[in-house]
Amino acid sequence: MNGAAYEFVTATILAVITTAALFVIGTIIPKPHTEQH
């Protein structure tokens, strides 16, 4: 424990930004086409 105060608002904003960034990256990167068996 480093003694820093937990900022709920800051943590929530960072979590939302990170989640949105992951969704954007997932849609930008094309998925490889898999062959159907």
C-alpha atoms as a PDB file:
ATOM      1  CA  MET A   1       0.000   0.000   0.000  1.00  0.00           C
ATOM      2  CA  ASN A   2       1.451   3.322  -1.003  1.00  0.00           C
ATOM      3  CA  GLY A   3      -1.025   5.448   0.941  1.00  0.00           C
ATOM      4  CA  ALA A   4      -2.462   7.196  -2.113  1.00  0.00           C
ATOM      5  CA  ALA A   5      -6.160   8.007  -1.982  1.00  0.00           C
ATOM      6  CA  TYR A   6      -8.383   5.993  -4.292  1.00  0.00           C
ATOM      7  CA  GLU A   7     -10.102   8.320  -6.714  1.00  0.00           C
ATOM      8  CA  PHE A   8     -13.292   6.570  -7.829  1.00  0.00           C
ATOM      9  CA  VAL A   9     -14.112   9.111 -10.550  1.00  0.00           C
ATOM     10  CA  THR A  10     -10.618   9.027 -12.031  1.00  0.00           C
ATOM     11  CA  ALA A  11     -10.527   5.231 -11.953  1.00  0.00           C
ATOM     12  CA  THR A  12     -13.935   5.014 -13.608  1.00  0.00           C
ATOM     13  CA  ILE A  13     -12.966   7.439 -16.373  1.00  0.00           C
ATOM     14  CA  LEU A  14      -9.753   5.530 -17.053  1.00  0.00           C
ATOM     15  CA  ALA A  15     -11.649   2.218 -17.129  1.00  0.00           C
ATOM     16  CA  VAL A  16     -14.183   3.571 -19.622  1.00  0.00           C
ATOM     17  CA  ILE A  17     -11.464   5.015 -21.842  1.00  0.00           C
ATOM     18  CA  THR A  18      -9.495   1.759 -21.755  1.00  0.00           C
ATOM     19  CA  THR A  19     -12.578  -0.310 -22.588  1.00  0.00           C
ATOM     20  CA  ALA A  20     -13.515   1.992 -25.463  1.00  0.00           C
ATOM     21  CA  ALA A  21      -9.957   1.868 -26.796  1.00  0.00           C
ATOM     22  CA  LEU A  22     -10.010  -1.947 -26.743  1.00  0.00           C
ATOM     23  CA  PHE A  23     -13.290  -1.996 -28.675  1.00  0.00           C
ATOM     24  CA  VAL A  24     -11.925   0.447 -31.247  1.00  0.00           C
ATOM     25  CA  ILE A  25      -8.707  -1.516 -31.669  1.00  0.00           C
ATOM     26  CA  GLY A  26     -10.716  -4.729 -32.032  1.00  0.00           C
ATOM     27  CA  THR A  27     -12.819  -3.263 -34.813  1.00  0.00           C
ATOM     28  CA  ILE A  28      -9.861  -1.698 -36.633  1.00  0.00           C
ATOM     29  CA  ILE A  29      -7.760  -4.862 -36.733  1.00  0.00           C
ATOM     30  CA  PRO A  30      -9.256  -7.251 -39.311  1.00  0.00           C
ATOM     31  CA  LYS A  31      -9.968 -10.766 -38.172  1.00  0.00           C
ATOM     32  CA  PRO A  32      -8.294 -13.550 -40.154  1.00  0.00           C
ATOM     33  CA  HIS A  33     -10.758 -15.509 -42.249  1.00  0.00           C
ATOM     34  CA  THR A  34     -11.114 -19.057 -40.984  1.00  0.00           C
ATOM     35  CA  GLU A  35     -11.905 -21.845 -43.367  1.00  0.00           C
ATOM     36  CA  GLN A  36     -15.154 -23.635 -42.698  1.00  0.00           C
ATOM     37  CA  HIS A  37     -14.867 -27.380 -42.473  1.00  0.00           C
END
